[in-house]
Amino acid sequence: MDNLFLLLFFISIILLVVGLIKPSIFSKFLKDRATRKGVAKIFGIAAVVFFILFGITAKPATQTPQTAQENKTSDNVAEQTAPTNNEQGPEQKQNQRESVDTNSKQTKTEAPKEGTTPKETEPVVASFGNGTHIVGTDIKAGTYRSQGNRTCYWARLSGFGGQLDDVIANGNNSPEIVTISASDAAFQTSGCGQWVTVEDTYPTTPATSFSDGTYVVGKHIAPGTYRADGNPDDLCYWARLSNFSHAGIDGVITNGNSPTIVQIFSSDKGFTTFGCGNWTKIK
């Protein structure tokens, strides 16, 4: 219907234009009203009426014919290509199960279990000085050598109660070598200078003469027979060592308390001395 009114509107416009140019054409139909004024009045009103009727009867177009057709085609294609769960083949169902299993595994791997604590990164410490250092948090377990050259204090601790039972081993010599165990709670040091990994203190060539301190045999000092030049009346201490734990006498092979001649074997792990003067290799 709206197309009919639109067509009549255009016809009225055409007749209006023709009548204004040559109104005598309509004399057969309009007789005495076949004038420009009469034609303009009749066809002008007709054009307005048909235009209004066209506007009333015209339906709002929400989609163009092409768009509607494309949407309809897309819907049909989607319906044809998207199978329902009941219509899926064995291969598609297997792919879905594998996808679900993979997502499940990824979730289990990435999400930490409730109530668990992430593993702490092991500390990487090249050296440390005065203070109480927690093993595994502040410093790594390992064998360290102090860089001081005077009397100081150090201690391996099993706890923080401040009691004598908390001391695993301690000493006052420097430079000192101490093996800190992973089971130790902490290591305490004061006045010993910086502690560094023992491997960083090896000289190019093992020495054949040395004084107070603790040494790795074959690295800091050469094995052999040594004489101490200290006063025979002075109280000194020396010991051949099998390890550097300093826990009781387990790491002591043999020891003494006066300047003397001592043979240091290549199988010895270390040698420590204090107050004995200078030791010099004699053979």
Protein backbone atom coordinates (compact mmCIF):
# COMPACT_ATOMS: atom_id res chain seq x y z
CA MET A 1 0.00 0.00 0.00
CA ASP A 2 2.77 2.47 0.83
CA ASN A 3 4.27 1.92 -2.64
CA LEU A 4 0.91 2.80 -4.27
CA PHE A 5 0.70 6.10 -2.41
CA LEU A 6 4.28 6.87 -3.31
CA LEU A 7 3.50 6.22 -6.98
CA LEU A 8 0.38 8.45 -6.84
CA PHE A 9 2.46 11.17 -5.18
CA PHE A 10 4.96 11.18 -8.06
CA ILE A 11 2.13 11.14 -10.64
CA SER A 12 0.51 14.16 -8.92
CA ILE A 13 3.81 16.02 -9.03
CA ILE A 14 4.22 15.28 -12.72
CA LEU A 15 0.66 16.33 -13.54
CA LEU A 16 1.12 19.46 -11.45
CA VAL A 17 4.22 20.44 -13.42
CA VAL A 18 2.55 19.69 -16.78
CA GLY A 19 -0.62 21.60 -15.78
CA LEU A 20 1.38 24.66 -14.75
CA ILE A 21 3.12 24.65 -18.14
CA LYS A 22 0.07 23.89 -20.32
CA PRO A 23 -3.19 23.74 -18.35
CA SER A 24 -5.31 23.38 -21.55
CA ILE A 25 -4.35 19.70 -21.66
CA PHE A 26 -6.75 19.05 -18.77
CA SER A 27 -9.67 21.11 -20.29
CA LYS A 28 -11.48 17.94 -21.29
CA PHE A 29 -11.51 16.73 -17.65
CA LEU A 30 -11.50 19.96 -15.67
CA LYS A 31 -13.49 22.17 -18.18
CA ASP A 32 -13.65 25.67 -16.74
CA ARG A 33 -11.14 24.82 -14.00
CA ALA A 34 -8.41 24.03 -16.52
CA THR A 35 -6.34 27.03 -15.47
CA ARG A 36 -2.92 27.20 -13.84
CA LYS A 37 -4.53 28.11 -10.54
CA GLY A 38 -7.07 25.31 -10.74
CA VAL A 39 -4.45 22.73 -11.77
CA ALA A 40 -2.10 23.85 -8.98
CA LYS A 41 -4.89 23.57 -6.43
CA ILE A 42 -6.12 20.12 -7.52
CA PHE A 43 -2.81 18.35 -8.11
CA GLY A 44 -1.01 20.20 -5.35
CA ILE A 45 -3.55 19.03 -2.78
CA ALA A 46 -3.44 15.52 -4.29
CA ALA A 47 0.36 15.42 -4.00
CA VAL A 48 0.23 16.50 -0.34
CA VAL A 49 -2.47 13.96 0.50
CA PHE A 50 -0.65 11.08 -1.20
CA PHE A 51 2.62 12.03 0.51
CA ILE A 52 0.94 12.01 3.94
CA LEU A 53 -0.72 8.65 3.22
CA PHE A 54 2.64 7.25 2.13
CA GLY A 55 4.25 8.35 5.40
CA ILE A 56 1.45 6.79 7.46
CA THR A 57 1.42 3.43 5.70
CA ALA A 58 5.19 3.03 5.25
CA LYS A 59 6.76 0.39 7.63
CA PRO A 60 10.03 1.30 9.43
CA ALA A 61 12.90 -0.63 7.87
CA THR A 62 15.12 -2.13 10.59
CA GLN A 63 17.22 -4.09 8.16
CA THR A 64 18.00 -3.70 4.52
CA PRO A 65 17.00 -6.64 2.39
CA GLN A 66 20.65 -7.49 1.81
CA THR A 67 21.53 -7.38 5.52
CA ALA A 68 18.51 -9.45 6.47
CA GLN A 69 19.44 -12.02 3.83
CA GLU A 70 23.04 -12.14 5.05
CA ASN A 71 21.94 -12.62 8.66
CA LYS A 72 19.54 -15.35 7.65
CA THR A 73 22.29 -17.05 5.65
CA SER A 74 24.74 -16.79 8.60
CA ASP A 75 22.18 -18.29 10.96
CA ASN A 76 21.58 -21.18 8.58
CA VAL A 77 25.32 -21.83 8.22
CA ALA A 78 25.82 -21.71 12.01
CA GLU A 79 22.97 -24.13 12.54
CA GLN A 80 24.41 -26.49 9.98
CA THR A 81 28.07 -26.33 11.11
CA ALA A 82 27.60 -26.25 14.90
CA PRO A 83 26.60 -29.77 15.98
CA THR A 84 24.85 -30.32 19.26
CA ASN A 85 26.39 -32.44 22.03
CA ASN A 86 24.25 -35.38 20.90
CA GLU A 87 25.41 -35.03 17.28
CA GLN A 88 29.18 -34.73 17.92
CA GLY A 89 31.33 -37.49 16.55
CA PRO A 90 33.81 -39.59 18.58
CA GLU A 91 36.80 -37.52 17.40
CA GLN A 92 35.19 -34.21 18.46
CA LYS A 93 34.24 -35.62 21.86
CA GLN A 94 37.80 -36.91 22.34
CA ASN A 95 39.21 -33.47 21.49
CA GLN A 96 36.89 -31.87 24.03
CA ARG A 97 37.95 -34.33 26.73
CA GLU A 98 41.63 -33.71 25.98
CA SER A 99 41.05 -29.95 26.16
CA VAL A 100 39.31 -30.27 29.52
CA ASP A 101 42.05 -32.56 30.84
CA THR A 102 44.77 -30.14 29.69
CA ASN A 103 43.06 -27.16 31.32
CA SER A 104 42.63 -29.17 34.51
CA LYS A 105 46.31 -30.12 34.57
CA GLN A 106 47.37 -26.54 33.95
CA THR A 107 45.18 -25.33 36.78
CA LYS A 108 46.62 -27.90 39.16
CA THR A 109 50.17 -26.97 38.18
CA GLU A 110 49.79 -23.21 38.38
CA ALA A 111 47.63 -22.93 41.50
CA PRO A 112 49.49 -23.65 44.78
CA LYS A 113 47.75 -25.92 47.25
CA GLU A 114 45.94 -24.22 50.07
CA GLY A 115 47.96 -24.02 53.25
CA THR A 116 51.36 -24.54 51.57
CA THR A 117 54.23 -22.03 51.68
CA PRO A 118 56.24 -21.30 48.50
CA LYS A 119 59.82 -22.54 48.72
CA GLU A 120 62.20 -19.72 49.59
CA THR A 121 65.07 -18.97 47.26
CA GLU A 122 68.40 -20.04 48.73
CA PRO A 123 70.46 -16.96 49.65
CA VAL A 124 73.54 -16.19 47.59
CA VAL A 125 76.01 -14.40 49.85
CA ALA A 126 79.64 -13.92 48.83
CA SER A 127 80.69 -12.51 52.21
CA PHE A 128 79.33 -11.28 55.53
CA GLY A 129 80.60 -9.41 58.59
CA ASN A 130 79.65 -8.75 62.22
CA GLY A 131 76.26 -9.89 63.44
CA THR A 132 74.07 -12.95 63.88
CA HIS A 133 73.20 -14.49 60.52
CA ILE A 134 70.39 -17.01 60.02
CA VAL A 135 71.59 -20.01 58.03
CA GLY A 136 69.49 -20.58 54.91
CA THR A 137 67.97 -17.09 55.07
CA ASP A 138 70.87 -14.64 55.51
CA ILE A 139 73.77 -16.89 54.53
CA LYS A 140 74.31 -20.23 52.83
CA ALA A 141 75.75 -23.26 54.56
CA GLY A 142 79.38 -23.86 53.59
CA THR A 143 83.01 -23.37 54.59
CA TYR A 144 84.15 -19.78 55.18
CA ARG A 145 87.40 -18.07 56.20
CA SER A 146 87.64 -14.83 58.17
CA GLN A 147 89.83 -11.98 56.92
CA GLY A 148 90.78 -10.46 60.29
CA ASN A 149 94.16 -10.95 61.95
CA ARG A 150 93.39 -10.38 65.62
CA THR A 151 91.52 -12.03 68.45
CA CYS A 152 87.77 -12.07 67.79
CA TYR A 153 84.69 -14.15 68.58
CA TRP A 154 82.61 -16.46 66.44
CA ALA A 155 80.05 -19.17 67.19
CA ARG A 156 77.88 -21.73 65.42
CA LEU A 157 74.42 -21.69 67.05
CA SER A 158 71.66 -24.29 67.29
CA GLY A 159 69.10 -21.80 68.63
CA PHE A 160 68.47 -18.25 69.78
CA GLY A 161 67.89 -18.79 73.49
CA GLY A 162 71.16 -17.13 74.45
CA GLN A 163 72.15 -20.15 76.54
CA LEU A 164 75.38 -22.16 76.51
CA ASP A 165 73.51 -25.16 75.11
CA ASP A 166 72.77 -23.11 71.96
CA VAL A 167 76.50 -22.99 71.10
CA ILE A 168 77.60 -25.81 68.80
CA ALA A 169 81.17 -24.53 68.49
CA ASN A 170 83.03 -21.26 69.01
CA GLY A 171 86.49 -19.74 68.95
CA ASN A 172 88.69 -16.63 69.13
CA ASN A 173 91.35 -17.19 66.52
CA SER A 174 91.64 -15.27 63.24
CA PRO A 175 92.01 -15.80 60.37
CA GLU A 176 89.75 -18.76 61.06
CA ILE A 177 88.10 -21.40 58.86
CA VAL A 178 84.65 -22.65 59.89
CA THR A 179 82.27 -25.06 58.19
CA ILE A 180 78.68 -23.89 58.77
CA SER A 181 76.22 -26.78 58.51
CA ALA A 182 72.79 -26.53 56.93
CA SER A 183 71.36 -27.78 60.23
CA ASP A 184 72.83 -24.80 62.14
CA ALA A 185 70.30 -22.19 63.19
CA ALA A 186 72.70 -19.25 62.86
CA PHE A 187 76.29 -18.06 62.82
CA GLN A 188 77.44 -15.26 65.12
CA THR A 189 80.62 -13.22 64.62
CA SER A 190 82.23 -10.12 66.12
CA GLY A 191 85.57 -8.49 65.30
CA CYS A 192 86.69 -11.22 62.88
CA GLY A 193 86.46 -9.06 59.78
CA GLN A 194 84.64 -10.25 56.65
CA TRP A 195 83.96 -13.93 56.16
CA VAL A 196 84.31 -15.22 52.57
CA THR A 197 84.09 -18.67 51.00
CA VAL A 198 87.32 -20.50 51.68
CA GLU A 199 87.96 -21.14 47.96
CA ASP A 200 88.24 -17.38 47.42
CA THR A 201 91.21 -17.19 49.82
CA TYR A 202 93.54 -19.73 48.19
CA PRO A 203 96.90 -18.24 47.11
CA THR A 204 98.47 -19.10 43.79
CA THR A 205 101.11 -21.25 45.52
CA PRO A 206 100.82 -22.88 48.97
CA ALA A 207 103.00 -21.11 51.55
CA THR A 208 105.92 -22.75 53.39
CA SER A 209 105.94 -20.21 56.23
CA PHE A 210 102.98 -18.94 58.29
CA SER A 211 101.92 -17.61 61.71
CA ASP A 212 98.64 -17.53 63.70
CA GLY A 213 95.53 -18.69 61.89
CA THR A 214 93.80 -21.70 60.32
CA TYR A 215 94.87 -23.05 56.94
CA VAL A 216 93.80 -25.62 54.34
CA VAL A 217 96.64 -28.08 53.79
CA GLY A 218 97.69 -28.22 50.15
CA LYS A 219 95.97 -24.88 49.38
CA HIS A 220 97.06 -22.26 51.93
CA ILE A 221 100.14 -24.13 53.18
CA ALA A 222 102.19 -26.98 51.75
CA PRO A 223 102.38 -30.29 53.63
CA GLY A 224 105.75 -31.06 55.28
CA THR A 225 107.67 -30.79 58.54
CA TYR A 226 107.55 -27.37 60.24
CA ARG A 227 109.33 -25.76 63.20
CA ALA A 228 107.77 -22.99 65.33
CA ASP A 229 110.11 -20.19 66.57
CA GLY A 230 108.04 -19.13 69.57
CA ASN A 231 109.46 -18.96 73.11
CA PRO A 232 109.44 -22.46 74.62
CA ASP A 233 108.03 -20.98 77.82
CA ASP A 234 105.08 -19.35 76.03
CA LEU A 235 101.74 -21.12 76.02
CA CYS A 236 100.57 -21.72 72.47
CA TYR A 237 98.13 -24.00 70.71
CA TRP A 238 98.36 -25.96 67.47
CA ALA A 239 96.28 -28.78 65.94
CA ARG A 240 96.17 -30.96 62.86
CA LEU A 241 92.56 -31.05 61.62
CA SER A 242 90.40 -33.53 59.71
CA ASN A 243 87.58 -30.97 59.21
CA PHE A 244 86.62 -27.40 60.13
CA SER A 245 83.48 -28.01 62.18
CA HIS A 246 85.28 -27.21 65.50
CA ALA A 247 82.59 -29.28 67.23
CA GLY A 248 84.40 -30.92 70.16
CA ILE A 249 87.45 -33.01 69.31
CA ASP A 250 85.94 -34.91 66.39
CA GLY A 251 87.83 -32.81 63.85
CA VAL A 252 91.15 -32.85 65.75
CA ILE A 253 93.74 -35.41 64.63
CA THR A 254 96.32 -34.32 67.22
CA ASN A 255 97.24 -31.09 69.05
CA GLY A 256 99.75 -29.48 71.45
CA ASN A 257 100.45 -26.46 73.67
CA SER A 258 104.08 -25.47 73.12
CA PRO A 259 106.29 -24.42 70.18
CA THR A 260 107.74 -27.56 68.63
CA ILE A 261 108.37 -29.45 65.41
CA VAL A 262 105.23 -30.85 63.72
CA GLN A 263 104.82 -32.94 60.59
CA ILE A 264 101.75 -31.85 58.57
CA PHE A 265 100.57 -34.64 56.28
CA SER A 266 99.04 -34.17 52.84
CA SER A 267 96.03 -36.19 54.08
CA ASP A 268 95.36 -33.57 56.78
CA LYS A 269 92.45 -31.29 55.98
CA GLY A 270 93.81 -28.30 57.86
CA PHE A 271 96.18 -26.90 60.45
CA THR A 272 95.46 -24.27 63.12
CA THR A 273 97.86 -22.40 65.40
CA PHE A 274 97.80 -19.56 67.93
CA GLY A 275 100.63 -17.96 69.97
CA CYS A 276 103.34 -20.32 68.70
CA GLY A 277 105.24 -17.76 66.62
CA ASN A 278 106.13 -18.35 62.99
CA TRP A 279 106.15 -21.82 61.51
CA THR A 280 108.77 -22.57 58.82
CA LYS A 281 109.07 -25.67 56.72
CA ILE A 282 112.35 -27.47 57.38
CA LYS A 283 111.78 -30.45 55.10
